[in-house]
């Protein structure tokens, strides 16, 4: 199936650009929250695509295989690094509130399609149509439901089963249930939409018949969406938030959303802290907790009533690094798990929730990139999901990898702490509670145990890429159900 995703070239050594196997040897690395999407990203690198091409293909594949967080109805943010020019830029394409508020299920204006189209136009190499073909095939011919999607369906199954539009998309009619892990999920309506976008470009989603169906369906589902909302939607390029670190620069997504500001403040606190590299794991946990508490205070994002703990935890992240050392990292969300919980079944699209109370929104999104701008070397790219815990989880992994010198796999598996969302409280995963207790108590904090703090996808090259590809590793969080691979 995946081989059909790219334009055919000749076999063996005569393979052409755009054909899987075009690149031999080290390809780079990818990580994503859904395994089938990650494999498509790997194939894009094998076909000669660059990092931006890989994240575009992984996103559209995930719109099919992980619509709980990556539906075409959502939005997000990306960072891109082009090694040939040395450019690093951030693109914001969040799912925003429409001009008219209201309805019993407020719907957001989708940003993903125009966002990834703009990202590809600036950073991509392969043809747009090649990158969307795998997603179209997955939707048209069917894909097995992954453990990642089955988990998300199970989390809100009762609510989804109560919605006829969702049952039409994800139901098994004979058995009167929603699909589960391993079931074949065909989405022919979504395949038709992806086909139009593949052939006509991102604008096809925002004008014409698709847009009219989306508006009608969103309003029938309890929203207030208009053709003008879609027509006027535009992604925004912004400079990254930069923190110099020796001969490197750590780049974060600028506000909005706020996750980048929190992560940047935490990094500034940690990299200035002497002894982090040589500290024992318990001391590092204490440093991360204090950095989180300090970051929420200095950024003004933490609130006295602890309401930030309600930040939407649902997101999908994608990381790719190519053999030349260019990198791309993105995070997308429907502003809530499965967005509004309603769909436009005629298009096969879950609708994003409009930002609002109860934690709905993209506050926690905040991917990061680390490069040496003078010699154009790549060192780290990562993004996290998990609401209030996401920025802290990402920074703990980055600091343990880049400052403390841990292997990326060790850093991803290590137990985590979180300081900041609730005043005076440090949250800890069970494995971190014992190590953190004495440090937390000495600082006058209260320790609260939680089962999981964030899910991180990352690629790290601690010795720099391109000169030392053997130092590179791609990793997905063991708390999640994704996949990462260094392809060669």
Protein backbone atom coordinates (compact mmCIF):
# COMPACT_ATOMS: atom_id res chain seq x y z
CA UNK A 1 0.00 0.00 0.00
CA UNK A 2 2.69 2.48 1.00
CA UNK A 3 4.73 1.82 -2.13
CA UNK A 4 1.78 3.04 -4.17
CA UNK A 5 1.94 6.33 -2.30
CA UNK A 6 4.74 7.70 -4.47
CA UNK A 7 5.14 8.13 -8.16
CA UNK A 8 6.81 5.07 -9.57
CA UNK A 9 10.33 5.22 -10.87
CA UNK A 10 12.64 2.52 -12.06
CA UNK A 11 13.83 -0.20 -9.72
CA UNK A 12 17.20 -0.78 -8.08
CA UNK A 13 19.91 1.79 -8.64
CA UNK A 14 17.77 3.55 -11.26
CA UNK A 15 15.15 4.69 -8.77
CA UNK A 16 14.08 8.29 -9.21
CA UNK A 17 13.48 11.07 -6.72
CA UNK A 18 10.09 10.47 -5.13
CA UNK A 19 10.42 6.67 -5.21
CA UNK A 20 10.95 4.70 -1.99
CA UNK A 21 14.55 3.49 -1.99
CA UNK A 22 15.90 6.51 -3.88
CA UNK A 23 18.13 7.35 -0.89
CA UNK A 24 20.61 4.74 0.29
CA UNK A 25 22.39 4.65 3.65
CA UNK A 26 21.48 7.05 6.45
CA UNK A 27 18.08 8.66 5.81
CA UNK A 28 17.42 10.60 9.02
CA UNK A 29 14.76 9.89 11.62
CA UNK A 30 11.07 10.30 12.37
CA UNK A 31 8.76 10.03 15.37
CA UNK A 32 4.97 10.26 15.57
CA UNK A 33 2.09 9.36 17.87
CA UNK A 34 0.63 6.86 15.39
CA UNK A 35 2.80 4.05 13.98
CA UNK A 36 1.38 3.94 10.44
CA UNK A 37 2.04 7.67 10.08
CA UNK A 38 5.63 7.25 11.26
CA UNK A 39 6.27 4.53 8.67
CA UNK A 40 4.98 6.85 5.95
CA UNK A 41 7.36 9.55 7.17
CA UNK A 42 10.23 7.08 6.92
CA UNK A 43 9.23 6.22 3.36
CA UNK A 44 9.20 9.91 2.43
CA UNK A 45 12.80 10.24 3.62
CA UNK A 46 13.70 7.09 1.68
CA UNK A 47 12.13 8.60 -1.44
CA UNK A 48 14.38 11.67 -1.20
CA UNK A 49 12.00 13.93 0.67
CA UNK A 50 13.25 16.27 3.34
CA UNK A 51 12.14 16.72 6.95
CA UNK A 52 9.30 19.10 6.04
CA UNK A 53 7.98 16.64 3.46
CA UNK A 54 8.02 13.90 6.09
CA UNK A 55 5.99 15.84 8.68
CA UNK A 56 3.45 16.90 6.04
CA UNK A 57 2.95 13.27 4.98
CA UNK A 58 2.83 12.10 8.61
CA UNK A 59 0.22 14.71 9.46
CA UNK A 60 -2.16 13.82 6.62
CA UNK A 61 -1.73 10.11 7.35
CA UNK A 62 -2.59 10.83 10.99
CA UNK A 63 -5.69 12.74 9.91
CA UNK A 64 -6.85 9.30 8.71
CA UNK A 65 -5.39 7.04 11.39
CA UNK A 66 -5.60 9.32 14.47
CA UNK A 67 -8.59 11.64 13.90
CA UNK A 68 -9.03 12.00 17.67
CA UNK A 69 -6.25 14.60 17.65
CA UNK A 70 -5.19 15.12 14.02
CA UNK A 71 -8.45 15.56 12.09
CA UNK A 72 -8.50 18.00 9.18
CA UNK A 73 -10.79 20.06 11.43
CA UNK A 74 -7.99 21.03 13.85
CA UNK A 75 -4.96 23.29 13.95
CA UNK A 76 -1.44 23.52 15.31
CA UNK A 77 2.06 24.92 15.15
CA UNK A 78 5.32 23.90 13.40
CA UNK A 79 9.00 24.79 13.58
CA UNK A 80 11.22 24.29 10.57
CA UNK A 81 15.01 24.38 10.08
CA UNK A 82 16.43 24.48 6.56
CA UNK A 83 20.11 23.60 6.68
CA UNK A 84 20.88 24.92 3.20
CA UNK A 85 19.83 28.46 4.13
CA UNK A 86 20.19 28.28 7.90
CA UNK A 87 16.62 29.54 8.28
CA UNK A 88 14.55 28.65 11.36
CA UNK A 89 10.92 29.76 11.38
CA UNK A 90 7.68 29.10 13.25
CA UNK A 91 4.26 28.73 11.65
CA UNK A 92 1.09 29.11 13.74
CA UNK A 93 -2.13 27.70 12.31
CA UNK A 94 -4.28 27.11 15.38
CA UNK A 95 -7.96 26.20 15.17
CA UNK A 96 -9.41 29.60 16.07
CA UNK A 97 -12.80 30.91 17.15
CA UNK A 98 -15.17 31.89 14.32
CA UNK A 99 -16.44 35.45 13.96
CA UNK A 100 -19.80 34.49 15.44
CA UNK A 101 -19.72 32.68 18.76
CA UNK A 102 -22.41 30.46 20.16
CA UNK A 103 -24.16 27.19 19.48
CA UNK A 104 -24.48 24.24 21.82
CA UNK A 105 -21.13 22.83 20.57
CA UNK A 106 -18.95 25.79 19.53
CA UNK A 107 -16.83 24.84 16.53
CA UNK A 108 -13.36 26.18 15.64
CA UNK A 109 -12.16 27.37 12.23
CA UNK A 110 -9.79 24.62 11.00
CA UNK A 111 -6.18 25.53 10.29
CA UNK A 112 -4.35 22.29 9.57
CA UNK A 113 -4.83 22.12 5.80
CA UNK A 114 -3.71 25.66 5.05
CA UNK A 115 -1.03 25.38 7.71
CA UNK A 116 0.69 22.33 6.29
CA UNK A 117 0.25 23.65 2.75
CA UNK A 118 2.11 26.84 3.75
CA UNK A 119 4.77 24.86 5.61
CA UNK A 120 5.40 22.69 2.58
CA UNK A 121 5.53 25.69 0.26
CA UNK A 122 8.34 27.22 2.33
CA UNK A 123 10.34 24.17 3.37
CA UNK A 124 9.26 21.16 1.26
CA UNK A 125 11.05 19.42 -1.60
CA UNK A 126 8.80 16.70 -3.07
CA UNK A 127 5.56 17.48 -4.86
CA UNK A 128 2.55 18.16 -2.63
CA UNK A 129 0.51 15.50 -4.41
CA UNK A 130 3.06 12.81 -3.59
CA UNK A 131 2.89 13.56 0.11
CA UNK A 132 -0.91 13.26 0.39
CA UNK A 133 -1.25 10.09 -1.69
CA UNK A 134 -0.46 7.75 1.26
CA UNK A 135 -3.22 9.33 3.37
CA UNK A 136 -5.70 9.05 0.52
CA UNK A 137 -4.87 5.37 0.08
CA UNK A 138 -5.22 4.65 3.79
CA UNK A 139 -8.65 6.29 3.84
CA UNK A 140 -9.93 4.78 0.59
CA UNK A 141 -8.76 1.19 1.01
CA UNK A 142 -8.84 1.09 4.80
CA UNK A 143 -6.27 0.94 7.59
CA UNK A 144 -6.24 -1.18 10.74
CA UNK A 145 -7.24 0.75 13.84
CA UNK A 146 -4.06 1.30 15.82
CA UNK A 147 -3.68 0.98 19.56
CA UNK A 148 -3.35 4.78 19.70
CA UNK A 149 -6.78 5.40 18.11
CA UNK A 150 -8.40 2.53 20.02
CA UNK A 151 -7.17 4.06 23.28
CA UNK A 152 -8.64 7.45 22.42
CA UNK A 153 -11.95 5.90 21.33
CA UNK A 154 -12.12 3.98 24.58
CA UNK A 155 -11.53 7.09 26.68
CA UNK A 156 -14.78 8.73 25.50
CA UNK A 157 -16.62 5.78 23.98
CA UNK A 158 -19.97 6.39 25.66
CA UNK A 159 -20.12 10.02 24.52
CA UNK A 160 -19.12 9.14 20.96
CA UNK A 161 -21.61 6.30 20.70
CA UNK A 162 -24.37 8.79 21.55
CA UNK A 163 -23.58 10.84 18.41
CA UNK A 164 -25.09 9.53 15.14
CA UNK A 165 -22.49 11.39 13.04
CA UNK A 166 -19.65 9.67 14.89
CA UNK A 167 -21.29 6.25 14.76
CA UNK A 168 -21.57 6.65 11.00
CA UNK A 169 -17.81 7.25 10.73
CA UNK A 170 -16.44 4.82 13.31
CA UNK A 171 -19.22 2.30 13.81
CA UNK A 172 -19.37 -1.42 13.11
CA UNK A 173 -23.08 -1.59 12.21
CA UNK A 174 -23.60 -5.34 12.44
CA UNK A 175 -22.11 -5.45 15.93
CA UNK A 176 -23.50 -2.05 17.03
CA UNK A 177 -20.19 -0.83 18.38
CA UNK A 178 -17.37 1.51 17.49
CA UNK A 179 -14.26 0.10 15.84
CA UNK A 180 -11.54 -1.32 18.05
CA UNK A 181 -7.87 -2.15 17.76
CA UNK A 182 -7.16 -4.16 14.62
CA UNK A 183 -10.50 -3.50 12.91
CA UNK A 184 -10.23 -2.25 9.32
CA UNK A 185 -11.43 1.36 9.14
CA UNK A 186 -12.38 2.61 5.67
CA UNK A 187 -13.15 6.31 5.25
CA UNK A 188 -14.18 6.83 1.64
CA UNK A 189 -15.68 10.28 2.29
CA UNK A 190 -12.42 11.47 3.82
CA UNK A 191 -10.50 9.91 0.93
CA UNK A 192 -12.49 12.07 -1.48
CA UNK A 193 -11.63 15.21 0.50
CA UNK A 194 -7.92 14.34 0.66
CA UNK A 195 -7.99 13.60 -3.07
CA UNK A 196 -9.29 17.09 -3.81
CA UNK A 197 -6.70 18.69 -1.54
CA UNK A 198 -3.98 16.56 -3.12
CA UNK A 199 -4.95 17.59 -6.65
CA UNK A 200 -5.96 21.21 -6.08
CA UNK A 201 -3.89 22.34 -3.10
CA UNK A 202 -4.77 23.52 0.39
CA UNK A 203 -7.15 26.20 -0.80
CA UNK A 204 -9.64 23.57 -1.99
CA UNK A 205 -10.59 22.96 1.63
CA UNK A 206 -11.53 26.60 2.27
CA UNK A 207 -13.61 27.49 -0.78
CA UNK A 208 -16.06 25.72 -3.04
CA UNK A 209 -18.07 22.59 -2.39
CA UNK A 210 -15.92 21.18 0.44
CA UNK A 211 -16.17 24.45 2.34
CA UNK A 212 -19.93 24.63 1.87
CA UNK A 213 -20.37 21.08 3.13
CA UNK A 214 -18.11 21.81 6.09
CA UNK A 215 -20.03 24.94 7.04
CA UNK A 216 -23.40 23.22 6.70
CA UNK A 217 -22.23 20.20 8.65
CA UNK A 218 -20.59 22.25 11.41
CA UNK A 219 -23.70 24.35 11.91
CA UNK A 220 -25.93 21.28 11.92
CA UNK A 221 -23.63 19.89 14.62
CA UNK A 222 -24.22 22.90 16.87
CA UNK A 223 -21.55 25.37 15.70
CA UNK A 224 -21.48 28.84 14.18
CA UNK A 225 -19.12 28.56 11.20
CA UNK A 226 -19.35 30.66 8.02
CA UNK A 227 -17.83 30.68 4.55
CA UNK A 228 -16.13 33.95 5.45
CA UNK A 229 -14.47 32.28 8.45
CA UNK A 230 -12.95 29.69 6.14
CA UNK A 231 -12.08 32.04 3.30
CA UNK A 232 -10.29 34.51 5.59
CA UNK A 233 -8.30 31.94 7.55
CA UNK A 234 -4.55 32.43 7.14
CA UNK A 235 -1.58 30.79 8.91
CA UNK A 236 0.94 33.19 10.43
CA UNK A 237 4.73 32.99 10.13
CA UNK A 238 6.52 34.29 13.19
CA UNK A 239 10.09 34.47 14.47
CA UNK A 240 10.88 31.75 16.98
CA UNK A 241 11.59 32.47 20.64
CA UNK A 242 15.38 32.13 20.86
CA UNK A 243 17.62 31.25 23.80
CA UNK A 244 21.39 31.23 23.12
CA UNK A 245 23.12 28.20 24.67
CA UNK A 246 26.86 28.21 24.12
CA UNK A 247 27.45 27.98 20.38
CA UNK A 248 23.89 26.70 19.87
CA UNK A 249 20.47 28.33 19.84
CA UNK A 250 17.39 26.74 21.37
CA UNK A 251 14.27 27.72 19.41
CA UNK A 252 10.73 27.58 20.79
CA UNK A 253 7.35 28.27 19.26
CA UNK A 254 6.28 31.85 20.04
CA UNK A 255 3.00 32.77 21.71
CA UNK A 256 0.28 31.93 21.04
CA UNK A 257 0.16 29.19 22.19
CA UNK A 258 1.72 29.57 25.63
CA UNK A 259 3.44 26.20 25.82
CA UNK A 260 6.52 27.55 24.06
CA UNK A 261 6.87 30.39 26.56
CA UNK A 262 6.68 27.99 29.50
CA UNK A 263 9.21 25.62 27.92
CA UNK A 264 11.56 28.49 27.09
CA UNK A 265 11.40 29.82 30.65
CA UNK A 266 12.13 26.35 32.02
CA UNK A 267 15.10 25.89 29.69
CA UNK A 268 16.50 29.29 30.69
CA UNK A 269 16.23 28.26 34.34
CA UNK A 270 17.85 24.85 33.83
CA UNK A 271 20.71 25.66 31.51
CA UNK A 272 21.85 28.42 33.86
CA UNK A 273 21.76 26.00 36.80
CA UNK A 274 25.25 24.80 37.63
CA UNK A 275 25.73 21.13 38.24
CA UNK A 276 22.71 19.76 36.35
CA UNK A 277 24.98 17.68 34.12
CA UNK A 278 26.67 15.99 37.10
CA UNK A 279 23.69 15.81 39.42
CA UNK A 280 22.07 12.55 40.46
CA UNK A 281 18.58 11.79 39.11
CA UNK A 282 16.82 12.98 42.29
CA UNK A 283 18.58 16.35 42.17
CA UNK A 284 17.69 16.73 38.51
CA UNK A 285 14.04 16.00 39.29
CA UNK A 286 14.12 18.73 41.92
CA UNK A 287 15.64 21.14 39.42
CA UNK A 288 12.94 20.36 36.86
CA UNK A 289 10.20 20.88 39.44
CA UNK A 290 11.63 24.23 40.49
CA UNK A 291 12.06 25.27 36.86
CA UNK A 292 8.39 24.52 36.24
CA UNK A 293 7.29 26.50 39.27
CA UNK A 294 9.51 29.41 38.27
CA UNK A 295 8.39 29.32 34.63
CA UNK A 296 4.70 29.48 35.46
CA UNK A 297 5.38 32.45 37.71
CA UNK A 298 7.66 34.41 35.37
CA UNK A 299 5.44 33.90 32.33
CA UNK A 300 2.28 34.78 34.25
CA UNK A 301 0.54 31.70 32.87
CA UNK A 302 0.03 29.95 36.19
CA UNK A 303 -3.07 31.12 38.06
CA UNK A 304 -3.81 31.06 41.74
CA UNK A 305 -6.81 28.79 41.37
CA UNK A 306 -4.83 26.17 39.47
CA UNK A 307 -7.12 26.33 36.45
CA UNK A 308 -4.19 25.76 34.09
CA UNK A 309 -4.30 22.10 35.13
CA UNK A 310 -7.31 21.90 32.80
CA UNK A 311 -5.23 22.62 29.70
CA UNK A 312 -6.38 20.32 26.89
CA UNK A 313 -4.16 17.22 27.04
CA UNK A 314 -5.06 15.94 23.56
CA UNK A 315 -2.55 16.56 20.76
CA UNK A 316 -0.55 14.72 18.12
CA UNK A 317 3.11 15.49 17.46
CA UNK A 318 5.45 14.78 14.54
CA UNK A 319 9.24 15.09 14.34
CA UNK A 320 11.48 14.53 11.33
CA UNK A 321 15.16 15.06 10.56
CA UNK A 322 16.63 14.32 7.15
CA UNK A 323 20.10 13.16 6.18
CA UNK A 324 21.26 16.70 5.38
CA UNK A 325 20.40 17.91 8.90
CA UNK A 326 17.23 19.87 8.13
CA UNK A 327 14.48 19.36 10.71
CA UNK A 328 10.76 19.89 11.22
CA UNK A 329 8.62 19.45 14.31
CA UNK A 330 4.86 20.01 14.63
CA UNK A 331 2.04 19.65 17.13
CA UNK A 332 -1.66 19.65 16.26
CA UNK A 333 -4.88 19.46 18.26
CA UNK A 334 -8.67 19.59 18.01
CA UNK A 335 -8.64 21.70 21.22
CA UNK A 336 -10.09 18.67 23.02
CA UNK A 337 -10.07 14.90 22.55
CA UNK A 338 -12.19 14.33 19.40
CA UNK A 339 -12.88 18.10 19.38
CA UNK A 340 -16.57 18.80 19.82
CA UNK A 341 -17.32 15.08 19.80
CA UNK A 342 -19.33 15.62 16.62
CA UNK A 343 -18.46 15.18 12.97
CA UNK A 344 -19.37 16.03 9.40
CA UNK A 345 -19.77 12.44 8.18
CA UNK A 346 -20.29 13.53 4.56
CA UNK A 347 -16.65 14.67 4.66
CA UNK A 348 -15.32 12.22 7.25
CA UNK A 349 -14.07 15.06 9.45
CA UNK A 350 -14.18 15.43 13.23
CA UNK A 351 -14.85 19.07 14.21
CA UNK A 352 -12.44 20.96 16.45
CA UNK A 353 -13.85 22.67 19.52
CA UNK A 354 -13.63 26.44 19.65
CA UNK A 355 -11.12 27.63 22.27
CA UNK A 356 -12.89 28.37 25.52
CA UNK A 357 -13.50 27.40 29.14
CA UNK A 358 -12.84 24.00 30.60
CA UNK A 359 -9.36 23.77 29.16
CA UNK A 360 -10.41 23.78 25.49
CA UNK A 361 -7.61 25.12 23.35
CA UNK A 362 -4.00 24.79 22.25
CA UNK A 363 -2.32 26.43 25.25
CA UNK A 364 0.12 23.59 25.91
CA UNK A 365 1.55 23.26 22.38
CA UNK A 366 5.21 24.27 22.20
CA UNK A 367 7.70 22.33 20.03
CA UNK A 368 11.44 23.07 20.22
CA UNK A 369 14.53 22.88 17.98
CA UNK A 370 18.23 23.11 18.89
CA UNK A 371 20.75 24.07 16.20
CA UNK A 372 24.18 25.64 15.81
CA UNK A 373 23.36 28.51 13.47
CA UNK A 374 27.01 29.33 12.71
CA UNK A 375 27.82 25.97 11.13
CA UNK A 376 24.19 24.92 10.49
CA UNK A 377 24.22 21.76 12.57
CA UNK A 378 21.16 20.10 14.06
CA UNK A 379 21.10 18.74 17.63
CA UNK A 380 17.54 18.21 18.88
CA UNK A 381 13.88 18.48 17.90
CA UNK A 382 10.95 17.54 20.08
CA UNK A 383 7.30 18.14 20.85
CA UNK A 384 4.95 16.95 23.57
CA UNK A 385 1.29 16.32 24.30
CA UNK A 386 -0.34 16.10 27.70
CA UNK A 387 -1.78 19.50 28.58
CA UNK A 388 -0.11 21.35 31.44
CA UNK A 389 2.52 18.61 31.71
CA UNK A 390 3.64 18.85 28.07
CA UNK A 391 6.20 21.72 28.28
CA UNK A 392 7.77 20.27 31.42
CA UNK A 393 7.98 16.76 29.95
CA UNK A 394 9.66 18.09 26.82
CA UNK A 395 12.21 20.14 28.75
CA UNK A 396 13.04 17.27 31.11
CA UNK A 397 13.75 15.01 28.12
CA UNK A 398 15.78 17.70 26.33
CA UNK A 399 17.81 18.60 29.43
CA UNK A 400 18.55 14.99 30.33
CA UNK A 401 19.65 14.33 26.74
CA UNK A 402 21.58 17.49 25.92
CA UNK A 403 22.83 18.69 29.32
CA UNK A 404 23.11 15.50 31.39
CA UNK A 405 24.21 13.35 28.44
CA UNK A 406 21.63 10.59 28.86
CA UNK A 407 20.62 8.48 25.87
CA UNK A 408 17.36 9.68 24.36
CA UNK A 409 15.67 6.36 25.14
CA UNK A 410 16.65 6.70 28.82
CA UNK A 411 15.47 10.28 28.98
CA UNK A 412 12.09 9.37 27.49
CA UNK A 413 11.60 6.45 29.88
CA UNK A 414 12.65 8.32 33.03
CA UNK A 415 9.98 9.17 35.60
CA UNK A 416 8.85 12.80 35.53
CA UNK A 417 7.85 15.64 37.81
CA UNK A 418 5.80 18.76 37.16
CA UNK A 419 5.81 22.01 39.06
CA UNK A 420 3.65 25.00 38.27
CA UNK A 421 -0.02 24.43 37.47
CA UNK A 422 -1.10 24.37 41.13
CA UNK A 423 0.63 26.72 43.60
CA UNK A 424 2.86 24.96 46.10
CA UNK A 425 2.26 21.52 44.56
CA UNK A 426 4.69 19.32 42.64
CA UNK A 427 3.13 16.45 40.68
CA UNK A 428 5.20 13.30 40.25
CA UNK A 429 4.85 10.02 38.43
CA UNK A 430 5.03 7.00 40.75
CA UNK A 431 8.63 6.24 39.86
CA UNK A 432 9.71 9.80 40.69
CA UNK A 433 7.81 10.22 43.93
CA UNK A 434 10.40 8.67 46.26
CA UNK A 435 13.33 10.48 44.64
CA UNK A 436 11.54 13.82 44.64
CA UNK A 437 9.94 13.67 48.09
CA UNK A 438 12.86 14.94 50.17
CA UNK A 439 13.74 17.71 47.73
CA UNK A 440 10.15 18.82 47.43
CA UNK A 441 9.62 18.78 51.20
CA UNK A 442 12.80 20.77 51.79
CA UNK A 443 11.47 23.47 49.47
CA UNK A 444 8.17 23.63 51.33
CA UNK A 445 6.15 22.04 48.54
CA UNK A 446 3.48 19.37 48.63
CA UNK A 447 3.91 16.24 46.50
CA UNK A 448 0.97 14.80 44.55
CA UNK A 449 1.22 11.49 42.66
CA UNK A 450 -0.22 11.20 39.14
CA UNK A 451 0.01 8.22 36.75
CA UNK A 452 1.47 10.03 33.73
CA UNK A 453 3.04 13.39 32.86
CA UNK A 454 3.18 14.16 29.17
CA UNK A 455 4.11 12.26 26.01
CA UNK A 456 7.19 13.32 24.06
CA UNK A 457 8.41 12.56 20.54
CA UNK A 458 11.96 13.60 19.72
CA UNK A 459 15.02 13.16 17.54
CA UNK A 460 18.41 13.92 19.10
CA UNK A 461 21.88 14.16 17.54
CA UNK A 462 24.04 15.15 20.55
CA UNK A 463 27.25 15.34 18.49
CA UNK A 464 25.62 17.24 15.64
CA UNK A 465 24.15 16.41 12.24
CA UNK A 466 25.41 16.20 9.51
CA UNK A 467 28.96 15.54 10.81
CA UNK A 468 28.05 12.77 13.30
CA UNK A 469 24.96 10.87 12.17
CA UNK A 470 25.99 7.92 14.32
CA UNK A 471 25.12 10.00 17.40
CA UNK A 472 21.49 10.39 16.28
CA UNK A 473 18.50 8.64 17.81
CA UNK A 474 14.75 8.96 17.32
CA UNK A 475 12.41 8.20 20.18
CA UNK A 476 8.74 8.00 21.03
CA UNK A 477 7.44 8.15 24.56
CA UNK A 478 6.74 4.74 26.15
CA UNK A 479 3.69 6.36 27.75
CA UNK A 480 2.20 6.69 24.28
CA UNK A 481 1.46 4.29 21.47
CA UNK A 482 3.49 5.75 18.63
CA UNK A 483 6.62 4.84 16.74
CA UNK A 484 10.05 6.29 16.07
CA UNK A 485 12.77 5.12 13.73
CA UNK A 486 16.20 6.15 12.56
CA UNK A 487 16.12 5.02 8.94
CA UNK A 488 19.16 3.69 7.11
